[in-house]
Amino acid sequence: MKKKILVVDDSSYMRMFLTKIIKKTDKYLVFDAPEKDYAIDVFNTVKPDIVTLDLDISENRWGGMEVLTEMIKINPETVVIIITASGDESIKEECMKLGAKNYIKKPVDTGVLLKTIEQYL
């Protein structure tokens, strides 16, 4: 059975880009969500093995942190990979403290993304 990945990003371009890269391997079922409430709904319904999460979603600049916190509260074993343009080390550290497993800076290197996903499955 294929593993499930949820891509959360408010940019339709990034969602399409990440989904296309991940689906190209033909190993995963990919779901996507553009904003936090929908992301939590999909998370609860689909129960993904991995979530890629942009921090800068919704009207709140760091809405992704709220999504991360909620997902980890629902399932502490969730593998969340942060994908963001922010290179701020304090933000990265905060995400890891909240339960993120990895942090990838945009622009996304597709090889790094796929290797990171593989390491958790």
PDB file of N, CA and C in Angstrom:
ATOM      1  N   MET A   1       0.834  -1.183   0.000  1.00  0.00           N
ATOM      2  CA  MET A   1       0.000   0.000   0.000  1.00  0.00           C
ATOM      3  C   MET A   1       0.884   1.254   0.000  1.00  0.00           C
ATOM      4  N   LYS A   2       0.500   2.227  -0.813  1.00  0.00           N
ATOM      5  CA  LYS A   2       1.284   3.454  -0.917  1.00  0.00           C
ATOM      6  C   LYS A   2       1.155   4.290   0.355  1.00  0.00           C
ATOM      7  N   LYS A   3       2.262   4.908   0.733  1.00  0.00           N
ATOM      8  CA  LYS A   3       2.271   5.822   1.873  1.00  0.00           C
ATOM      9  C   LYS A   3       1.580   7.118   1.462  1.00  0.00           C
ATOM     10  N   LYS A   4       1.029   7.823   2.461  1.00  0.00           N
ATOM     11  CA  LYS A   4       0.273   9.048   2.190  1.00  0.00           C
ATOM     12  C   LYS A   4       1.057  10.275   2.649  1.00  0.00           C
ATOM     13  N   ILE A   5       1.084  11.276   1.776  1.00  0.00           N
ATOM     14  CA  ILE A   5       1.773  12.530   2.079  1.00  0.00           C
ATOM     15  C   ILE A   5       0.791  13.680   1.894  1.00  0.00           C
ATOM     16  N   LEU A   6       0.786  14.579   2.868  1.00  0.00           N
ATOM     17  CA  LEU A   6      -0.038  15.784   2.801  1.00  0.00           C
ATOM     18  C   LEU A   6       0.871  16.988   2.585  1.00  0.00           C
ATOM     19  N   VAL A   7       0.622  17.738   1.526  1.00  0.00           N
ATOM     20  CA  VAL A   7       1.380  18.947   1.197  1.00  0.00           C
ATOM     21  C   VAL A   7       0.528  20.151   1.602  1.00  0.00           C
ATOM     22  N   VAL A   8       1.053  20.967   2.527  1.00  0.00           N
ATOM     23  CA  VAL A   8       0.325  22.147   2.988  1.00  0.00           C
ATOM     24  C   VAL A   8       1.118  23.398   2.610  1.00  0.00           C
ATOM     25  N   ASP A   9       0.547  24.193   1.722  1.00  0.00           N
ATOM     26  CA  ASP A   9       1.187  25.439   1.281  1.00  0.00           C
ATOM     27  C   ASP A   9       0.103  26.332   0.698  1.00  0.00           C
ATOM     28  N   ASP A  10       0.136  27.618   1.019  1.00  0.00           N
ATOM     29  CA  ASP A  10      -0.899  28.516   0.495  1.00  0.00           C
ATOM     30  C   ASP A  10      -0.657  28.910  -0.958  1.00  0.00           C
ATOM     31  N   SER A  11       0.527  28.631  -1.473  1.00  0.00           N
ATOM     32  CA  SER A  11       0.831  28.916  -2.878  1.00  0.00           C
ATOM     33  C   SER A  11       0.393  27.740  -3.750  1.00  0.00           C
ATOM     34  N   SER A  12      -0.525  27.995  -4.671  1.00  0.00           N
ATOM     35  CA  SER A  12      -0.980  26.912  -5.552  1.00  0.00           C
ATOM     36  C   SER A  12       0.187  26.397  -6.397  1.00  0.00           C
ATOM     37  N   TYR A  13       1.104  27.288  -6.777  1.00  0.00           N
ATOM     38  CA  TYR A  13       2.278  26.863  -7.548  1.00  0.00           C
ATOM     39  C   TYR A  13       3.115  25.876  -6.739  1.00  0.00           C
ATOM     40  N   MET A  14       3.407  26.199  -5.469  1.00  0.00           N
ATOM     41  CA  MET A  14       4.234  25.306  -4.644  1.00  0.00           C
ATOM     42  C   MET A  14       3.532  23.980  -4.390  1.00  0.00           C
ATOM     43  N   ARG A  15       2.221  24.015  -4.154  1.00  0.00           N
ATOM     44  CA  ARG A  15       1.494  22.756  -3.953  1.00  0.00           C
ATOM     45  C   ARG A  15       1.597  21.880  -5.192  1.00  0.00           C
ATOM     46  N   MET A  16       1.398  22.489  -6.372  1.00  0.00           N
ATOM     47  CA  MET A  16       1.497  21.722  -7.628  1.00  0.00           C
ATOM     48  C   MET A  16       2.916  21.196  -7.836  1.00  0.00           C
ATOM     49  N   PHE A  17       3.904  22.040  -7.597  1.00  0.00           N
ATOM     50  CA  PHE A  17       5.304  21.666  -7.777  1.00  0.00           C
ATOM     51  C   PHE A  17       5.676  20.495  -6.864  1.00  0.00           C
ATOM     52  N   LEU A  18       5.393  20.631  -5.569  1.00  0.00           N
ATOM     53  CA  LEU A  18       5.738  19.574  -4.615  1.00  0.00           C
ATOM     54  C   LEU A  18       4.974  18.284  -4.907  1.00  0.00           C
ATOM     55  N   THR A  19       3.689  18.414  -5.209  1.00  0.00           N
ATOM     56  CA  THR A  19       2.871  17.241  -5.529  1.00  0.00           C
ATOM     57  C   THR A  19       3.425  16.514  -6.747  1.00  0.00           C
ATOM     58  N   LYS A  20       3.771  17.255  -7.781  1.00  0.00           N
ATOM     59  CA  LYS A  20       4.303  16.654  -9.011  1.00  0.00           C
ATOM     60  C   LYS A  20       5.612  15.911  -8.742  1.00  0.00           C
ATOM     61  N   ILE A  21       6.507  16.521  -7.981  1.00  0.00           N
ATOM     62  CA  ILE A  21       7.798  15.899  -7.660  1.00  0.00           C
ATOM     63  C   ILE A  21       7.583  14.611  -6.867  1.00  0.00           C
ATOM     64  N   ILE A  22       6.732  14.667  -5.869  1.00  0.00           N
ATOM     65  CA  ILE A  22       6.501  13.499  -5.007  1.00  0.00           C
ATOM     66  C   ILE A  22       5.783  12.390  -5.769  1.00  0.00           C
ATOM     67  N   LYS A  23       4.776  12.747  -6.568  1.00  0.00           N
ATOM     68  CA  LYS A  23       4.024  11.739  -7.327  1.00  0.00           C
ATOM     69  C   LYS A  23       4.873  11.066  -8.400  1.00  0.00           C
ATOM     70  N   LYS A  24       5.861  11.780  -8.911  1.00  0.00           N
ATOM     71  CA  LYS A  24       6.702  11.258  -9.986  1.00  0.00           C
ATOM     72  C   LYS A  24       7.373   9.936  -9.589  1.00  0.00           C
ATOM     73  N   THR A  25       7.616   9.734  -8.301  1.00  0.00           N
ATOM     74  CA  THR A  25       8.249   8.499  -7.832  1.00  0.00           C
ATOM     75  C   THR A  25       7.289   7.315  -7.893  1.00  0.00           C
ATOM     76  N   ASP A  26       5.993   7.585  -7.972  1.00  0.00           N
ATOM     77  CA  ASP A  26       4.941   6.569  -8.001  1.00  0.00           C
ATOM     78  C   ASP A  26       4.932   5.688  -6.746  1.00  0.00           C
ATOM     79  N   LYS A  27       5.418   6.245  -5.633  1.00  0.00           N
ATOM     80  CA  LYS A  27       5.444   5.499  -4.373  1.00  0.00           C
ATOM     81  C   LYS A  27       4.406   5.999  -3.374  1.00  0.00           C
ATOM     82  N   TYR A  28       3.851   7.176  -3.632  1.00  0.00           N
ATOM     83  CA  TYR A  28       3.032   7.834  -2.621  1.00  0.00           C
ATOM     84  C   TYR A  28       1.692   8.317  -3.162  1.00  0.00           C
ATOM     85  N   LEU A  29       0.717   8.381  -2.261  1.00  0.00           N
ATOM     86  CA  LEU A  29      -0.540   9.072  -2.534  1.00  0.00           C
ATOM     87  C   LEU A  29      -0.355  10.469  -1.957  1.00  0.00           C
ATOM     88  N   VAL A  30      -0.631  11.493  -2.750  1.00  0.00           N
ATOM     89  CA  VAL A  30      -0.386  12.862  -2.301  1.00  0.00           C
ATOM     90  C   VAL A  30      -1.702  13.636  -2.219  1.00  0.00           C
ATOM     91  N   PHE A  31      -1.879  14.296  -1.090  1.00  0.00           N
ATOM     92  CA  PHE A  31      -3.035  15.149  -0.837  1.00  0.00           C
ATOM     93  C   PHE A  31      -2.490  16.548  -0.582  1.00  0.00           C
ATOM     94  N   ASP A  32      -3.305  17.577  -0.816  1.00  0.00           N
ATOM     95  CA  ASP A  32      -2.800  18.922  -0.547  1.00  0.00           C
ATOM     96  C   ASP A  32      -3.866  19.791   0.094  1.00  0.00           C
ATOM     97  N   ALA A  33      -3.381  20.832   0.765  1.00  0.00           N
ATOM     98  CA  ALA A  33      -4.273  21.778   1.440  1.00  0.00           C
ATOM     99  C   ALA A  33      -3.651  23.170   1.381  1.00  0.00           C
ATOM    100  N   PRO A  34      -4.488  24.192   1.094  1.00  0.00           N
ATOM    101  CA  PRO A  34      -3.974  25.551   0.952  1.00  0.00           C
ATOM    102  C   PRO A  34      -3.954  26.383   2.240  1.00  0.00           C
ATOM    103  N   GLU A  35      -4.684  25.942   3.253  1.00  0.00           N
ATOM    104  CA  GLU A  35      -4.759  26.753   4.472  1.00  0.00           C
ATOM    105  C   GLU A  35      -4.989  25.870   5.692  1.00  0.00           C
ATOM    106  N   LYS A  36      -4.815  26.479   6.872  1.00  0.00           N
ATOM    107  CA  LYS A  36      -4.730  25.684   8.096  1.00  0.00           C
ATOM    108  C   LYS A  36      -5.977  24.874   8.446  1.00  0.00           C
ATOM    109  N   ASP A  37      -7.171  25.443   8.346  1.00  0.00           N
ATOM    110  CA  ASP A  37      -8.367  24.684   8.726  1.00  0.00           C
ATOM    111  C   ASP A  37      -8.574  23.476   7.816  1.00  0.00           C
ATOM    112  N   TYR A  38      -8.398  23.688   6.530  1.00  0.00           N
ATOM    113  CA  TYR A  38      -8.537  22.589   5.577  1.00  0.00           C
ATOM    114  C   TYR A  38      -7.437  21.550   5.801  1.00  0.00           C
ATOM    115  N   ALA A  39      -6.230  22.026   6.112  1.00  0.00           N
ATOM    116  CA  ALA A  39      -5.109  21.112   6.366  1.00  0.00           C
ATOM    117  C   ALA A  39      -5.414  20.184   7.541  1.00  0.00           C
ATOM    118  N   ILE A  40      -5.978  20.736   8.606  1.00  0.00           N
ATOM    119  CA  ILE A  40      -6.316  19.916   9.777  1.00  0.00           C
ATOM    120  C   ILE A  40      -7.429  18.933   9.432  1.00  0.00           C
ATOM    121  N   ASP A  41      -8.408  19.359   8.659  1.00  0.00           N
ATOM    122  CA  ASP A  41      -9.483  18.452   8.229  1.00  0.00           C
ATOM    123  C   ASP A  41      -8.924  17.285   7.414  1.00  0.00           C
ATOM    124  N   VAL A  42      -8.073  17.593   6.448  1.00  0.00           N
ATOM    125  CA  VAL A  42      -7.473  16.539   5.611  1.00  0.00           C
ATOM    126  C   VAL A  42      -6.596  15.637   6.473  1.00  0.00           C
ATOM    127  N   PHE A  43      -5.836  16.227   7.373  1.00  0.00           N
ATOM    128  CA  PHE A  43      -4.965  15.467   8.276  1.00  0.00           C
ATOM    129  C   PHE A  43      -5.776  14.452   9.082  1.00  0.00           C
ATOM    130  N   ASN A  44      -6.891  14.894   9.634  1.00  0.00           N
ATOM    131  CA  ASN A  44      -7.740  14.001  10.432  1.00  0.00           C
ATOM    132  C   ASN A  44      -8.401  12.919   9.593  1.00  0.00           C
ATOM    133  N   THR A  45      -8.748  13.234   8.362  1.00  0.00           N
ATOM    134  CA  THR A  45      -9.427  12.282   7.481  1.00  0.00           C
ATOM    135  C   THR A  45      -8.463  11.281   6.858  1.00  0.00           C
ATOM    136  N   VAL A  46      -7.374  11.787   6.307  1.00  0.00           N
ATOM    137  CA  VAL A  46      -6.437  10.966   5.529  1.00  0.00           C
ATOM    138  C   VAL A  46      -5.427  10.231   6.409  1.00  0.00           C
ATOM    139  N   LYS A  47      -5.052  10.850   7.535  1.00  0.00           N
ATOM    140  CA  LYS A  47      -4.030  10.305   8.428  1.00  0.00           C
ATOM    141  C   LYS A  47      -2.728  10.032   7.656  1.00  0.00           C
ATOM    142  N   PRO A  48      -2.109  11.110   7.151  1.00  0.00           N
ATOM    143  CA  PRO A  48      -0.913  10.947   6.323  1.00  0.00           C
ATOM    144  C   PRO A  48       0.286  10.427   7.111  1.00  0.00           C
ATOM    145  N   ASP A  49       1.189   9.764   6.393  1.00  0.00           N
ATOM    146  CA  ASP A  49       2.433   9.281   6.992  1.00  0.00           C
ATOM    147  C   ASP A  49       3.424  10.433   7.163  1.00  0.00           C
ATOM    148  N   ILE A  50       3.371  11.381   6.237  1.00  0.00           N
ATOM    149  CA  ILE A  50       4.259  12.548   6.259  1.00  0.00           C
ATOM    150  C   ILE A  50       3.462  13.780   5.855  1.00  0.00           C
ATOM    151  N   VAL A  51       3.814  14.914   6.470  1.00  0.00           N
ATOM    152  CA  VAL A  51       3.243  16.208   6.097  1.00  0.00           C
ATOM    153  C   VAL A  51       4.398  17.128   5.716  1.00  0.00           C
ATOM    154  N   THR A  52       4.302  17.777   4.544  1.00  0.00           N
ATOM    155  CA  THR A  52       5.226  18.875   4.242  1.00  0.00           C
ATOM    156  C   THR A  52       4.435  20.141   4.514  1.00  0.00           C
ATOM    157  N   LEU A  53       5.024  21.052   5.261  1.00  0.00           N
ATOM    158  CA  LEU A  53       4.278  22.201   5.768  1.00  0.00           C
ATOM    159  C   LEU A  53       5.037  23.505   5.576  1.00  0.00           C
ATOM    160  N   ASP A  54       4.415  24.429   4.863  1.00  0.00           N
ATOM    161  CA  ASP A  54       4.954  25.783   4.741  1.00  0.00           C
ATOM    162  C   ASP A  54       4.575  26.547   6.005  1.00  0.00           C
ATOM    163  N   LEU A  55       5.502  27.320   6.549  1.00  0.00           N
ATOM    164  CA  LEU A  55       5.194  28.084   7.761  1.00  0.00           C
ATOM    165  C   LEU A  55       4.346  29.310   7.483  1.00  0.00           C
ATOM    166  N   ASP A  56       4.567  29.923   6.346  1.00  0.00           N
ATOM    167  CA  ASP A  56       3.931  31.201   6.027  1.00  0.00           C
ATOM    168  C   ASP A  56       2.613  30.973   5.285  1.00  0.00           C
ATOM    169  N   ILE A  57       1.618  30.445   6.025  1.00  0.00           N
ATOM    170  CA  ILE A  57       0.299  30.218   5.426  1.00  0.00           C
ATOM    171  C   ILE A  57      -0.740  31.022   6.179  1.00  0.00           C
ATOM    172  N   SER A  58      -1.863  31.208   5.567  1.00  0.00           N
ATOM    173  CA  SER A  58      -2.999  31.923   6.151  1.00  0.00           C
ATOM    174  C   SER A  58      -2.685  33.401   6.300  1.00  0.00           C
ATOM    175  N   GLU A  59      -3.606  34.097   6.927  1.00  0.00           N
ATOM    176  CA  GLU A  59      -3.429  35.532   7.124  1.00  0.00           C
ATOM    177  C   GLU A  59      -2.371  35.817   8.180  1.00  0.00           C
ATOM    178  N   ASN A  60      -2.096  34.831   9.016  1.00  0.00           N
ATOM    179  CA  ASN A  60      -1.081  34.943  10.057  1.00  0.00           C
ATOM    180  C   ASN A  60       0.263  34.530   9.462  1.00  0.00           C
ATOM    181  N   ARG A  61       1.260  35.388   9.545  1.00  0.00           N
ATOM    182  CA  ARG A  61       2.568  35.116   8.930  1.00  0.00           C
ATOM    183  C   ARG A  61       3.110  33.738   9.301  1.00  0.00           C
ATOM    184  N   TRP A  62       2.941  33.319  10.522  1.00  0.00           N
ATOM    185  CA  TRP A  62       3.462  32.012  10.938  1.00  0.00           C
ATOM    186  C   TRP A  62       2.333  31.032  11.233  1.00  0.00           C
ATOM    187  N   GLY A  63       1.289  31.052  10.418  1.00  0.00           N
ATOM    188  CA  GLY A  63       0.155  30.147  10.594  1.00  0.00           C
ATOM    189  C   GLY A  63       0.545  28.681  10.564  1.00  0.00           C
ATOM    190  N   GLY A  64       1.638  28.369   9.878  1.00  0.00           N
ATOM    191  CA  GLY A  64       2.114  26.992   9.813  1.00  0.00           C
ATOM    192  C   GLY A  64       2.515  26.444  11.168  1.00  0.00           C
ATOM    193  N   MET A  65       2.988  27.315  12.055  1.00  0.00           N
ATOM    194  CA  MET A  65       3.353  26.862  13.407  1.00  0.00           C
ATOM    195  C   MET A  65       2.113  26.397  14.159  1.00  0.00           C
ATOM    196  N   GLU A  66       1.003  27.088  13.941  1.00  0.00           N
ATOM    197  CA  GLU A  66      -0.256  26.674  14.566  1.00  0.00           C
ATOM    198  C   GLU A  66      -0.680  25.304  14.033  1.00  0.00           C
ATOM    199  N   VAL A  67      -0.519  25.104  12.734  1.00  0.00           N
ATOM    200  CA  VAL A  67      -0.860  23.814  12.117  1.00  0.00           C
ATOM    201  C   VAL A  67       0.053  22.724  12.673  1.00  0.00           C
ATOM    202  N   LEU A  68       1.347  23.009  12.755  1.00  0.00           N
ATOM    203  CA  LEU A  68       2.310  22.052  13.311  1.00  0.00           C
ATOM    204  C   LEU A  68       1.911  21.660  14.728  1.00  0.00           C
ATOM    205  N   THR A  69       1.636  22.643  15.553  1.00  0.00           N
ATOM    206  CA  THR A  69       1.253  22.388  16.946  1.00  0.00           C
ATOM    207  C   THR A  69       0.000  21.520  17.023  1.00  0.00           C
ATOM    208  N   GLU A  70      -0.999  21.839  16.219  1.00  0.00           N
ATOM    209  CA  GLU A  70      -2.257  21.086  16.229  1.00  0.00           C
ATOM    210  C   GLU A  70      -2.049  19.645  15.757  1.00  0.00           C
ATOM    211  N   MET A  71      -1.278  19.464  14.689  1.00  0.00           N
ATOM    212  CA  MET A  71      -1.036  18.112  14.165  1.00  0.00           C
ATOM    213  C   MET A  71      -0.289  17.247  15.175  1.00  0.00           C
ATOM    214  N   ILE A  72       0.709  17.819  15.828  1.00  0.00           N
ATOM    215  CA  ILE A  72       1.480  17.065  16.820  1.00  0.00           C
ATOM    216  C   ILE A  72       0.611  16.749  18.037  1.00  0.00           C
ATOM    217  N   LYS A  73      -0.295  17.659  18.372  1.00  0.00           N
ATOM    218  CA  LYS A  73      -1.225  17.414  19.482  1.00  0.00           C
ATOM    219  C   LYS A  73      -2.142  16.234  19.136  1.00  0.00           C
ATOM    220  N   ILE A  74      -2.613  16.181  17.896  1.00  0.00           N
ATOM    221  CA  ILE A  74      -3.497  15.105  17.448  1.00  0.00           C
ATOM    222  C   ILE A  74      -2.741  13.782  17.383  1.00  0.00           C
ATOM    223  N   ASN A  75      -1.533  13.818  16.821  1.00  0.00           N
ATOM    224  CA  ASN A  75      -0.720  12.604  16.697  1.00  0.00           C
ATOM    225  C   ASN A  75       0.756  12.956  16.875  1.00  0.00           C
ATOM    226  N   PRO A  76       1.295  12.742  18.078  1.00  0.00           N
ATOM    227  CA  PRO A  76       2.692  13.092  18.361  1.00  0.00           C
ATOM    228  C   PRO A  76       3.718  12.355  17.485  1.00  0.00           C
ATOM    229  N   GLU A  77       3.309  11.267  16.853  1.00  0.00           N
ATOM    230  CA  GLU A  77       4.221  10.499  15.994  1.00  0.00           C
ATOM    231  C   GLU A  77       4.276  11.029  14.562  1.00  0.00           C
ATOM    232  N   THR A  78       3.495  12.044  14.266  1.00  0.00           N
ATOM    233  CA  THR A  78       3.434  12.593  12.912  1.00  0.00           C
ATOM    234  C   THR A  78       4.795  13.096  12.457  1.00  0.00           C
ATOM    235  N   VAL A  79       5.165  12.743  11.232  1.00  0.00           N
ATOM    236  CA  VAL A  79       6.398  13.250  10.629  1.00  0.00           C
ATOM    237  C   VAL A  79       6.032  14.506   9.849  1.00  0.00           C
ATOM    238  N   VAL A  80       6.452  15.659  10.379  1.00  0.00           N
ATOM    239  CA  VAL A  80       6.209  16.936   9.711  1.00  0.00           C
ATOM    240  C   VAL A  80       7.548  17.487   9.240  1.00  0.00           C
ATOM    241  N   ILE A  81       7.617  17.773   7.944  1.00  0.00           N
ATOM    242  CA  ILE A  81       8.805  18.371   7.345  1.00  0.00           C
ATOM    243  C   ILE A  81       8.438  19.806   6.983  1.00  0.00           C
ATOM    244  N   ILE A  82       9.103  20.749   7.611  1.00  0.00           N
ATOM    245  CA  ILE A  82       8.850  22.162   7.335  1.00  0.00           C
ATOM    246  C   ILE A  82       9.547  22.537   6.030  1.00  0.00           C
ATOM    247  N   ILE A  83       8.823  23.217   5.156  1.00  0.00           N
ATOM    248  CA  ILE A  83       9.395  23.734   3.906  1.00  0.00           C
ATOM    249  C   ILE A  83       9.059  25.220   3.870  1.00  0.00           C
ATOM    250  N   THR A  84      10.097  26.066   3.981  1.00  0.00           N
ATOM    251  CA  THR A  84       9.836  27.499   4.093  1.00  0.00           C
ATOM    252  C   THR A  84      10.973  28.333   3.531  1.00  0.00           C
ATOM    253  N   ALA A  85      10.675  29.571   3.228  1.00  0.00           N
ATOM    254  CA  ALA A  85      11.689  30.499   2.732  1.00  0.00           C
ATOM    255  C   ALA A  85      12.508  31.089   3.878  1.00  0.00           C
ATOM    256  N   SER A  86      12.027  30.960   5.095  1.00  0.00           N
ATOM    257  CA  SER A  86      12.724  31.544   6.242  1.00  0.00           C
ATOM    258  C   SER A  86      13.973  30.745   6.592  1.00  0.00           C
ATOM    259  N   GLY A  87      15.086  31.451   6.669  1.00  0.00           N
ATOM    260  CA  GLY A  87      16.332  30.805   7.071  1.00  0.00           C
ATOM    261  C   GLY A  87      16.684  31.134   8.509  1.00  0.00           C
ATOM    262  N   ASP A  88      15.758  31.740   9.224  1.00  0.00           N
ATOM    263  CA  ASP A  88      15.974  32.160  10.605  1.00  0.00           C
ATOM    264  C   ASP A  88      16.172  30.933  11.502  1.00  0.00           C
ATOM    265  N   GLU A  89      17.364  30.832  12.101  1.00  0.00           N
ATOM    266  CA  GLU A  89      17.688  29.671  12.951  1.00  0.00           C
ATOM    267  C   GLU A  89      16.746  29.550  14.148  1.00  0.00           C
ATOM    268  N   SER A  90      16.314  30.681  14.708  1.00  0.00           N
ATOM    269  CA  SER A  90      15.426  30.604  15.876  1.00  0.00           C
ATOM    270  C   SER A  90      14.065  30.017  15.487  1.00  0.00           C
ATOM    271  N   ILE A  91      13.611  30.315  14.275  1.00  0.00           N
ATOM    272  CA  ILE A  91      12.350  29.740  13.782  1.00  0.00           C
ATOM    273  C   ILE A  91      12.527  28.236  13.590  1.00  0.00           C
ATOM    274  N   LYS A  92      13.647  27.846  13.003  1.00  0.00           N
ATOM    275  CA  LYS A  92      13.937  26.423  12.796  1.00  0.00           C
ATOM    276  C   LYS A  92      13.955  25.688  14.137  1.00  0.00           C
ATOM    277  N   GLU A  93      14.655  26.253  15.118  1.00  0.00           N
ATOM    278  CA  GLU A  93      14.733  25.627  16.443  1.00  0.00           C
ATOM    279  C   GLU A  93      13.353  25.502  17.078  1.00  0.00           C
ATOM    280  N   GLU A  94      12.544  26.536  16.944  1.00  0.00           N
ATOM    281  CA  GLU A  94      11.189  26.512  17.505  1.00  0.00           C
ATOM    282  C   GLU A  94      10.357  25.401  16.865  1.00  0.00           C
ATOM    283  N   CYS A  95      10.461  25.262  15.548  1.00  0.00           N
ATOM    284  CA  CYS A  95       9.726  24.200  14.839  1.00  0.00           C
ATOM    285  C   CYS A  95      10.145  22.823  15.328  1.00  0.00           C
ATOM    286  N   MET A  96      11.442  22.635  15.519  1.00  0.00           N
ATOM    287  CA  MET A  96      11.933  21.337  15.982  1.00  0.00           C
ATOM    288  C   MET A  96      11.443  21.064  17.410  1.00  0.00           C
ATOM    289  N   LYS A  97      11.425  22.091  18.251  1.00  0.00           N
ATOM    290  CA  LYS A  97      10.910  21.933  19.620  1.00  0.00           C
ATOM    291  C   LYS A  97       9.427  21.566  19.611  1.00  0.00           C
ATOM    292  N   LEU A  98       8.691  22.128  18.649  1.00  0.00           N
ATOM    293  CA  LEU A  98       7.253  21.852  18.555  1.00  0.00           C
ATOM    294  C   LEU A  98       6.953  20.465  17.990  1.00  0.00           C
ATOM    295  N   GLY A  99       7.969  19.809  17.417  1.00  0.00           N
ATOM    296  CA  GLY A  99       7.762  18.443  16.940  1.00  0.00           C
ATOM    297  C   GLY A  99       8.070  18.180  15.484  1.00  0.00           C
ATOM    298  N   ALA A 100       8.488  19.206  14.732  1.00  0.00           N
ATOM    299  CA  ALA A 100       8.872  18.959  13.332  1.00  0.00           C
ATOM    300  C   ALA A 100      10.085  18.035  13.311  1.00  0.00           C
ATOM    301  N   LYS A 101      10.149  17.181  12.298  1.00  0.00           N
ATOM    302  CA  LYS A 101      11.264  16.237  12.189  1.00  0.00           C
ATOM    303  C   LYS A 101      12.396  16.772  11.318  1.00  0.00           C
ATOM    304  N   ASN A 102      12.064  17.689  10.394  1.00  0.00           N
ATOM    305  CA  ASN A 102      13.086  18.214   9.496  1.00  0.00           C
ATOM    306  C   ASN A 102      12.649  19.577   8.980  1.00  0.00           C
ATOM    307  N   TYR A 103      13.591  20.285   8.355  1.00  0.00           N
ATOM    308  CA  TYR A 103      13.367  21.666   7.930  1.00  0.00           C
ATOM    309  C   TYR A 103      14.103  21.863   6.614  1.00  0.00           C
ATOM    310  N   ILE A 104      13.378  22.156   5.551  1.00  0.00           N
ATOM    311  CA  ILE A 104      13.980  22.365   4.229  1.00  0.00           C
ATOM    312  C   ILE A 104      13.712  23.808   3.814  1.00  0.00           C
ATOM    313  N   LYS A 105      14.776  24.493   3.408  1.00  0.00           N
ATOM    314  CA  LYS A 105      14.646  25.895   3.000  1.00  0.00           C
ATOM    315  C   LYS A 105      14.331  25.987   1.513  1.00  0.00           C
ATOM    316  N   LYS A 106      13.410  26.913   1.173  1.00  0.00           N
ATOM    317  CA  LYS A 106      13.108  27.197  -0.228  1.00  0.00           C
ATOM    318  C   LYS A 106      14.232  28.051  -0.788  1.00  0.00           C
ATOM    319  N   PRO A 107      14.569  27.943  -2.049  1.00  0.00           N
ATOM    320  CA  PRO A 107      13.948  27.077  -3.047  1.00  0.00           C
ATOM    321  C   PRO A 107      14.278  25.608  -2.763  1.00  0.00           C
ATOM    322  N   VAL A 108      13.312  24.757  -2.998  1.00  0.00           N
ATOM    323  CA  VAL A 108      13.426  23.339  -2.658  1.00  0.00           C
ATOM    324  C   VAL A 108      14.288  22.595  -3.675  1.00  0.00           C
ATOM    325  N   ASP A 109      15.293  21.899  -3.155  1.00  0.00           N
ATOM    326  CA  ASP A 109      16.095  20.989  -3.975  1.00  0.00           C
ATOM    327  C   ASP A 109      15.307  19.679  -4.004  1.00  0.00           C
ATOM    328  N   THR A 110      14.847  19.270  -5.175  1.00  0.00           N
ATOM    329  CA  THR A 110      13.966  18.095  -5.261  1.00  0.00           C
ATOM    330  C   THR A 110      14.642  16.824  -4.763  1.00  0.00           C
ATOM    331  N   GLY A 111      15.935  16.696  -5.004  1.00  0.00           N
ATOM    332  CA  GLY A 111      16.663  15.523  -4.512  1.00  0.00           C
ATOM    333  C   GLY A 111      16.667  15.468  -2.996  1.00  0.00           C
ATOM    334  N   VAL A 112      16.900  16.610  -2.369  1.00  0.00           N
ATOM    335  CA  VAL A 112      16.894  16.691  -0.904  1.00  0.00           C
ATOM    336  C   VAL A 112      15.502  16.375  -0.366  1.00  0.00           C
ATOM    337  N   LEU A 113      14.482  16.906  -1.006  1.00  0.00           N
ATOM    338  CA  LEU A 113      13.105  16.646  -0.575  1.00  0.00           C
ATOM    339  C   LEU A 113      12.800  15.152  -0.597  1.00  0.00           C
ATOM    340  N   LEU A 114      13.069  14.498  -1.719  1.00  0.00           N
ATOM    341  CA  LEU A 114      12.756  13.069  -1.846  1.00  0.00           C
ATOM    342  C   LEU A 114      13.590  12.227  -0.890  1.00  0.00           C
ATOM    343  N   LYS A 115      14.848  12.576  -0.710  1.00  0.00           N
ATOM    344  CA  LYS A 115      15.716  11.845   0.218  1.00  0.00           C
ATOM    345  C   LYS A 115      15.211  12.011   1.654  1.00  0.00           C
ATOM    346  N   THR A 116      14.768  13.210   1.984  1.00  0.00           N
ATOM    347  CA  THR A 116      14.242  13.477   3.326  1.00  0.00           C
ATOM    348  C   THR A 116      12.973  12.666   3.575  1.00  0.00           C
ATOM    349  N   ILE A 117      12.083  12.631   2.608  1.00  0.00           N
ATOM    350  CA  ILE A 117      10.858  11.834   2.734  1.00  0.00           C
ATOM    351  C   ILE A 117      11.205  10.362   2.926  1.00  0.00           C
ATOM    352  N   GLU A 118      12.107   9.852   2.098  1.00  0.00           N
ATOM    353  CA  GLU A 118      12.503   8.434   2.165  1.00  0.00           C
ATOM    354  C   GLU A 118      13.046   8.062   3.539  1.00  0.00           C
ATOM    355  N   GLN A 119      13.792   8.962   4.156  1.00  0.00           N
ATOM    356  CA  GLN A 119      14.424   8.617   5.429  1.00  0.00           C
ATOM    357  C   GLN A 119      13.411   8.374   6.545  1.00  0.00           C
ATOM    358  N   TYR A 120      12.204   8.879   6.389  1.00  0.00           N
ATOM    359  CA  TYR A 120      11.187   8.693   7.432  1.00  0.00           C
ATOM    360  C   TYR A 120      10.194   7.577   7.121  1.00  0.00           C
ATOM    361  N   LEU A 121      10.316   6.937   5.964  1.00  0.00           N
ATOM    362  CA  LEU A 121       9.371   5.870   5.606  1.00  0.00           C
ATOM    363  C   LEU A 121      10.042   4.521   5.513  1.00  0.00           C
TER     364      LEU A 121
END
